[in-house]
N, C-alpha and C. Protein backbone atom coordinates (compact mmCIF):
# COMPACT_ATOMS: atom_id res chain seq x y z
N MET A 1 0.80 -1.16 0.01
CA MET A 1 0.12 0.06 0.00
C MET A 1 0.88 1.26 0.02
N ILE A 2 2.02 1.22 0.72
CA ILE A 2 2.79 2.38 0.75
C ILE A 2 3.43 2.76 -0.54
N VAL A 3 3.72 1.67 -1.31
CA VAL A 3 4.23 1.91 -2.68
C VAL A 3 3.24 2.65 -3.61
N LEU A 4 1.96 2.29 -3.46
CA LEU A 4 0.89 3.05 -4.16
C LEU A 4 0.81 4.52 -3.73
N PHE A 5 0.93 4.64 -2.45
CA PHE A 5 0.88 6.03 -1.78
C PHE A 5 2.06 6.85 -2.41
N VAL A 6 3.32 6.31 -2.45
CA VAL A 6 4.41 7.02 -2.98
C VAL A 6 4.30 7.21 -4.44
N LEU A 7 3.70 6.35 -5.23
CA LEU A 7 3.59 6.44 -6.62
C LEU A 7 2.49 7.65 -6.87
N ASN A 8 1.39 7.64 -6.08
CA ASN A 8 0.41 8.75 -6.03
C ASN A 8 1.06 10.14 -5.79
N ALA A 9 2.00 10.21 -4.85
CA ALA A 9 2.72 11.38 -4.56
C ALA A 9 3.59 11.92 -5.64
N ILE A 10 4.25 10.90 -6.27
CA ILE A 10 5.06 11.26 -7.47
C ILE A 10 4.30 11.71 -8.68
N LEU A 11 3.26 11.11 -8.99
CA LEU A 11 2.38 11.53 -10.02
C LEU A 11 1.75 13.00 -9.74
N ALA A 12 1.37 13.18 -8.45
CA ALA A 12 0.85 14.44 -8.09
C ALA A 12 1.93 15.50 -8.30
N ALA A 13 3.17 15.13 -7.97
CA ALA A 13 4.24 16.08 -8.03
C ALA A 13 4.48 16.40 -9.50
N GLY A 14 4.30 15.41 -10.37
CA GLY A 14 4.39 15.68 -11.79
C GLY A 14 3.28 16.64 -12.28
N GLY A 15 2.19 16.68 -11.72
CA GLY A 15 1.06 17.50 -11.94
C GLY A 15 1.45 18.91 -11.59
N VAL A 16 2.04 18.95 -10.44
CA VAL A 16 2.52 20.41 -9.88
C VAL A 16 3.51 20.86 -10.85
N PHE A 17 4.48 20.06 -11.31
CA PHE A 17 5.60 20.58 -12.16
C PHE A 17 4.93 21.00 -13.51
N SER A 18 4.01 20.19 -14.04
CA SER A 18 3.42 20.61 -15.35
C SER A 18 2.64 21.87 -15.24
N ALA A 19 1.85 22.07 -14.17
CA ALA A 19 1.09 23.27 -13.99
C ALA A 19 1.95 24.48 -13.92
N ILE A 20 3.02 24.33 -13.14
CA ILE A 20 3.99 25.47 -13.01
C ILE A 20 4.69 25.78 -14.26
N LEU A 21 5.08 24.76 -15.05
CA LEU A 21 5.71 24.90 -16.30
C LEU A 21 4.72 25.61 -17.32
N ALA A 22 3.57 25.21 -17.30
CA ALA A 22 2.54 25.77 -18.23
C ALA A 22 2.33 27.30 -17.81
N ALA A 23 2.37 27.58 -16.55
CA ALA A 23 2.14 28.95 -16.15
C ALA A 23 3.27 29.85 -16.51
N LEU A 24 4.47 29.30 -16.45
CA LEU A 24 5.65 30.10 -16.67
C LEU A 24 6.01 30.11 -18.20
N ARG A 25 5.78 29.05 -18.83
CA ARG A 25 6.16 28.88 -20.31
C ARG A 25 5.16 28.06 -21.05
N PRO A 26 3.98 28.54 -21.42
CA PRO A 26 2.99 27.80 -22.09
C PRO A 26 3.50 27.04 -23.31
N SER A 27 4.39 27.60 -23.99
CA SER A 27 4.83 26.96 -25.30
C SER A 27 5.51 25.63 -25.03
N ALA A 28 5.96 25.36 -23.76
CA ALA A 28 6.52 24.03 -23.49
C ALA A 28 5.45 22.91 -23.52
N LEU A 29 4.16 23.30 -23.39
CA LEU A 29 3.10 22.36 -23.42
C LEU A 29 2.12 22.47 -24.48
N VAL A 30 1.95 23.70 -25.13
CA VAL A 30 1.04 23.98 -26.15
C VAL A 30 1.79 24.54 -27.28
N ALA A 31 1.64 23.94 -28.47
CA ALA A 31 2.54 24.36 -29.57
C ALA A 31 1.97 25.64 -30.31
N GLU A 32 0.70 25.51 -30.66
CA GLU A 32 0.05 26.66 -31.39
C GLU A 32 -0.50 27.82 -30.51
N GLY A 33 -0.09 28.96 -30.84
CA GLY A 33 -0.70 30.15 -30.24
C GLY A 33 -0.28 30.33 -28.74
N ALA A 34 0.77 29.68 -28.30
CA ALA A 34 1.16 29.67 -26.96
C ALA A 34 1.73 31.03 -26.42
N GLU A 35 2.02 31.88 -27.35
CA GLU A 35 2.58 33.19 -26.89
C GLU A 35 1.66 34.25 -26.74
N SER A 36 0.34 34.00 -26.99
CA SER A 36 -0.72 34.99 -26.85
C SER A 36 -1.03 35.27 -25.39
N VAL A 37 -1.52 36.45 -25.06
CA VAL A 37 -1.88 36.83 -23.70
C VAL A 37 -2.91 35.96 -23.09
N GLY A 38 -3.84 35.54 -23.96
CA GLY A 38 -4.97 34.68 -23.50
C GLY A 38 -4.48 33.28 -23.05
N VAL A 39 -3.53 32.67 -23.78
CA VAL A 39 -2.97 31.38 -23.41
C VAL A 39 -2.29 31.49 -22.14
N LEU A 40 -1.45 32.48 -21.97
CA LEU A 40 -0.76 32.72 -20.66
C LEU A 40 -1.75 32.89 -19.52
N PHE A 41 -2.79 33.66 -19.65
CA PHE A 41 -3.84 33.94 -18.72
C PHE A 41 -4.40 32.61 -18.23
N TYR A 42 -4.89 31.71 -19.27
CA TYR A 42 -5.57 30.48 -18.90
C TYR A 42 -4.62 29.51 -18.24
N ALA A 43 -3.35 29.54 -18.67
CA ALA A 43 -2.31 28.68 -18.16
C ALA A 43 -2.09 29.00 -16.73
N GLN A 44 -2.10 30.30 -16.39
CA GLN A 44 -1.79 30.75 -15.00
C GLN A 44 -3.05 30.37 -14.19
N MET A 45 -4.32 30.49 -14.80
CA MET A 45 -5.52 30.10 -14.04
C MET A 45 -5.52 28.58 -13.79
N TYR A 46 -5.11 27.80 -14.82
CA TYR A 46 -4.98 26.43 -14.53
C TYR A 46 -4.04 26.05 -13.44
N ALA A 47 -2.94 26.68 -13.44
CA ALA A 47 -1.86 26.47 -12.36
C ALA A 47 -2.42 26.77 -11.04
N ALA A 48 -3.21 27.81 -10.94
CA ALA A 48 -3.67 28.29 -9.61
C ALA A 48 -4.67 27.23 -8.99
N LYS A 49 -5.25 26.51 -9.81
CA LYS A 49 -6.21 25.48 -9.31
C LYS A 49 -5.54 24.08 -9.23
N ALA A 50 -4.67 23.77 -10.23
CA ALA A 50 -4.04 22.49 -10.28
C ALA A 50 -2.96 22.30 -9.11
N VAL A 51 -2.11 23.29 -8.82
CA VAL A 51 -1.06 23.15 -7.89
C VAL A 51 -1.66 22.82 -6.45
N PRO A 52 -2.67 23.50 -5.92
CA PRO A 52 -3.18 23.16 -4.60
C PRO A 52 -3.82 21.74 -4.67
N LEU A 53 -4.46 21.40 -5.76
CA LEU A 53 -5.20 20.12 -5.86
C LEU A 53 -4.21 19.00 -5.87
N CYS A 54 -3.14 19.09 -6.66
CA CYS A 54 -2.07 18.16 -6.76
C CYS A 54 -1.33 18.00 -5.36
N LEU A 55 -1.06 19.09 -4.68
CA LEU A 55 -0.41 18.99 -3.39
C LEU A 55 -1.31 18.25 -2.49
N LEU A 56 -2.55 18.55 -2.46
CA LEU A 56 -3.53 17.88 -1.61
C LEU A 56 -3.56 16.43 -1.93
N ALA A 57 -3.57 16.06 -3.18
CA ALA A 57 -3.59 14.62 -3.57
C ALA A 57 -2.37 13.87 -3.14
N ALA A 58 -1.24 14.72 -3.15
CA ALA A 58 0.06 14.07 -2.71
C ALA A 58 0.11 13.72 -1.28
N VAL A 59 -0.35 14.62 -0.42
CA VAL A 59 -0.11 14.45 1.01
C VAL A 59 -1.32 13.77 1.78
N VAL A 60 -2.53 13.85 1.32
CA VAL A 60 -3.64 13.24 1.96
C VAL A 60 -3.61 11.77 2.36
N PRO A 61 -3.10 10.94 1.49
CA PRO A 61 -3.03 9.48 1.83
C PRO A 61 -2.11 9.32 3.10
N PHE A 62 -1.05 10.13 3.26
CA PHE A 62 -0.11 9.96 4.33
C PHE A 62 -0.73 10.46 5.63
N LEU A 63 -1.71 11.31 5.56
CA LEU A 63 -2.23 12.04 6.72
C LEU A 63 -3.59 11.58 7.29
N ALA A 64 -4.45 11.08 6.44
CA ALA A 64 -5.73 10.81 6.85
C ALA A 64 -6.39 9.66 6.06
N THR A 65 -7.48 9.11 6.62
CA THR A 65 -8.36 8.20 5.92
C THR A 65 -9.78 8.50 6.17
N GLY A 66 -10.61 7.96 5.35
CA GLY A 66 -12.02 8.18 5.53
C GLY A 66 -12.64 8.72 4.27
N VAL A 67 -13.90 9.17 4.43
CA VAL A 67 -14.68 9.73 3.32
C VAL A 67 -14.16 10.99 2.71
N VAL A 68 -13.81 11.94 3.58
CA VAL A 68 -13.33 13.32 3.00
C VAL A 68 -12.00 13.18 2.30
N PRO A 69 -10.97 12.46 2.84
CA PRO A 69 -9.78 12.34 2.08
C PRO A 69 -10.09 11.53 0.80
N GLY A 70 -10.87 10.51 0.89
CA GLY A 70 -11.22 9.78 -0.32
C GLY A 70 -11.87 10.61 -1.35
N LEU A 71 -12.77 11.51 -0.94
CA LEU A 71 -13.40 12.38 -1.93
C LEU A 71 -12.48 13.37 -2.53
N CYS A 72 -11.46 13.82 -1.68
CA CYS A 72 -10.36 14.68 -2.22
C CYS A 72 -9.67 14.01 -3.38
N LEU A 73 -9.21 12.78 -3.21
CA LEU A 73 -8.59 12.05 -4.15
C LEU A 73 -9.45 11.71 -5.39
N LEU A 74 -10.68 11.39 -5.15
CA LEU A 74 -11.56 11.20 -6.39
C LEU A 74 -11.69 12.46 -7.10
N GLY A 75 -11.73 13.62 -6.44
CA GLY A 75 -11.71 14.90 -7.22
C GLY A 75 -10.49 15.08 -7.94
N ALA A 76 -9.33 14.66 -7.45
CA ALA A 76 -8.03 14.77 -8.18
C ALA A 76 -8.09 13.81 -9.40
N ALA A 77 -8.69 12.63 -9.12
CA ALA A 77 -8.79 11.72 -10.26
C ALA A 77 -9.60 12.12 -11.36
N LEU A 78 -10.71 12.75 -10.93
CA LEU A 78 -11.68 13.28 -11.98
C LEU A 78 -10.99 14.45 -12.76
N SER A 79 -10.24 15.25 -12.17
CA SER A 79 -9.54 16.38 -12.72
C SER A 79 -8.52 15.82 -13.81
N GLN A 80 -7.77 14.76 -13.38
CA GLN A 80 -6.88 14.19 -14.28
C GLN A 80 -7.56 13.48 -15.43
N ALA A 81 -8.75 12.89 -15.20
CA ALA A 81 -9.43 12.22 -16.28
C ALA A 81 -9.89 13.30 -17.33
N MET A 82 -10.34 14.47 -16.83
CA MET A 82 -10.66 15.53 -17.66
C MET A 82 -9.45 15.99 -18.51
N ASP A 83 -8.35 16.10 -17.82
CA ASP A 83 -7.11 16.47 -18.57
C ASP A 83 -6.79 15.49 -19.65
N ALA A 84 -7.00 14.16 -19.34
CA ALA A 84 -6.82 13.13 -20.39
C ALA A 84 -7.67 13.39 -21.55
N THR A 85 -8.93 13.60 -21.19
CA THR A 85 -9.89 13.79 -22.31
C THR A 85 -9.61 14.98 -23.17
N ILE A 86 -9.17 16.05 -22.53
CA ILE A 86 -8.64 17.17 -23.30
C ILE A 86 -7.51 16.87 -24.22
N GLY A 87 -6.53 16.04 -23.65
CA GLY A 87 -5.39 15.65 -24.41
C GLY A 87 -5.86 14.75 -25.60
N LEU A 88 -6.75 14.01 -25.32
CA LEU A 88 -7.29 12.99 -26.48
C LEU A 88 -7.81 13.95 -27.58
N GLY A 89 -8.58 14.92 -27.28
CA GLY A 89 -9.15 15.76 -28.29
C GLY A 89 -8.08 16.55 -28.99
N ARG A 90 -6.97 16.83 -28.39
CA ARG A 90 -5.90 17.54 -29.04
C ARG A 90 -4.89 16.59 -29.72
N ARG A 91 -5.14 15.27 -29.52
CA ARG A 91 -4.19 14.22 -29.99
C ARG A 91 -2.78 14.35 -29.40
N ASN A 92 -2.74 14.72 -28.10
CA ASN A 92 -1.47 14.86 -27.36
C ASN A 92 -1.37 13.55 -26.43
N LEU A 93 -0.62 12.61 -27.00
CA LEU A 93 -0.46 11.34 -26.31
C LEU A 93 0.22 11.45 -24.94
N ARG A 94 1.14 12.29 -24.87
CA ARG A 94 1.87 12.50 -23.53
C ARG A 94 0.85 12.93 -22.53
N GLN A 95 -0.06 13.85 -22.82
CA GLN A 95 -1.06 14.29 -21.89
C GLN A 95 -1.95 13.23 -21.52
N VAL A 96 -2.42 12.38 -22.51
CA VAL A 96 -3.37 11.38 -22.34
C VAL A 96 -2.76 10.29 -21.36
N VAL A 97 -1.60 9.87 -21.76
CA VAL A 97 -0.99 8.78 -20.91
C VAL A 97 -0.72 9.27 -19.44
N GLY A 98 -0.12 10.52 -19.33
CA GLY A 98 0.20 10.93 -18.07
C GLY A 98 -0.97 11.09 -17.11
N SER A 99 -1.99 11.84 -17.67
CA SER A 99 -3.19 12.08 -16.96
C SER A 99 -4.05 10.86 -16.63
N THR A 100 -4.05 9.88 -17.56
CA THR A 100 -4.87 8.67 -17.27
C THR A 100 -4.07 7.86 -16.26
N GLY A 101 -2.80 7.82 -16.30
CA GLY A 101 -2.09 7.06 -15.20
C GLY A 101 -2.36 7.67 -13.84
N ALA A 102 -2.28 9.00 -13.79
CA ALA A 102 -2.49 9.71 -12.49
C ALA A 102 -3.91 9.51 -12.01
N ALA A 103 -4.85 9.59 -12.91
CA ALA A 103 -6.29 9.39 -12.63
C ALA A 103 -6.50 8.01 -12.01
N VAL A 104 -5.98 7.04 -12.59
CA VAL A 104 -6.07 5.62 -12.17
C VAL A 104 -5.47 5.37 -10.75
N VAL A 105 -4.33 5.99 -10.60
CA VAL A 105 -3.65 5.88 -9.31
C VAL A 105 -4.35 6.55 -8.24
N HIS A 106 -4.88 7.89 -8.52
CA HIS A 106 -5.54 8.64 -7.52
C HIS A 106 -6.89 7.91 -7.16
N ALA A 107 -7.60 7.34 -8.07
CA ALA A 107 -8.72 6.56 -7.78
C ALA A 107 -8.48 5.36 -7.00
N LEU A 108 -7.43 4.69 -7.31
CA LEU A 108 -7.08 3.40 -6.35
C LEU A 108 -6.76 3.88 -5.02
N VAL A 109 -5.97 4.86 -4.86
CA VAL A 109 -5.59 5.26 -3.47
C VAL A 109 -6.86 5.77 -2.75
N ALA A 110 -7.76 6.47 -3.38
CA ALA A 110 -9.03 6.97 -2.87
C ALA A 110 -9.78 5.76 -2.29
N ILE A 111 -9.87 4.65 -2.95
CA ILE A 111 -10.56 3.48 -2.56
C ILE A 111 -9.87 2.86 -1.36
N LEU A 112 -8.54 2.86 -1.39
CA LEU A 112 -7.85 2.37 -0.24
C LEU A 112 -7.99 3.04 1.09
N ILE A 113 -8.06 4.41 0.91
CA ILE A 113 -8.15 5.19 2.20
C ILE A 113 -9.60 5.46 2.61
N TRP A 114 -10.56 5.10 1.78
CA TRP A 114 -11.94 5.39 2.08
C TRP A 114 -12.38 4.72 3.30
């Protein structure tokens, strides 16, 4: 179980890294139109929400069990599933694979700590 918790934390840390990278340099993750003001604005908004959620997903399994922590991780899993869906629509395999993996692990850990 601890291995899954650590994997969950690593994947959540990857989400933090990606969100910060997108906020600082959107062109690293989006090829077309990444230099526009609108893209930067939305990348920063995404990071403002993703960073706290990913940090929560990383630490919750080590600190608490029960319904509320489980729901927090299910929320993180749903967020990652939506990111994977967006990546699928954009044909971004890296986004699809990474987000799907994180969604599955977050959901498994949510079930374990529920």
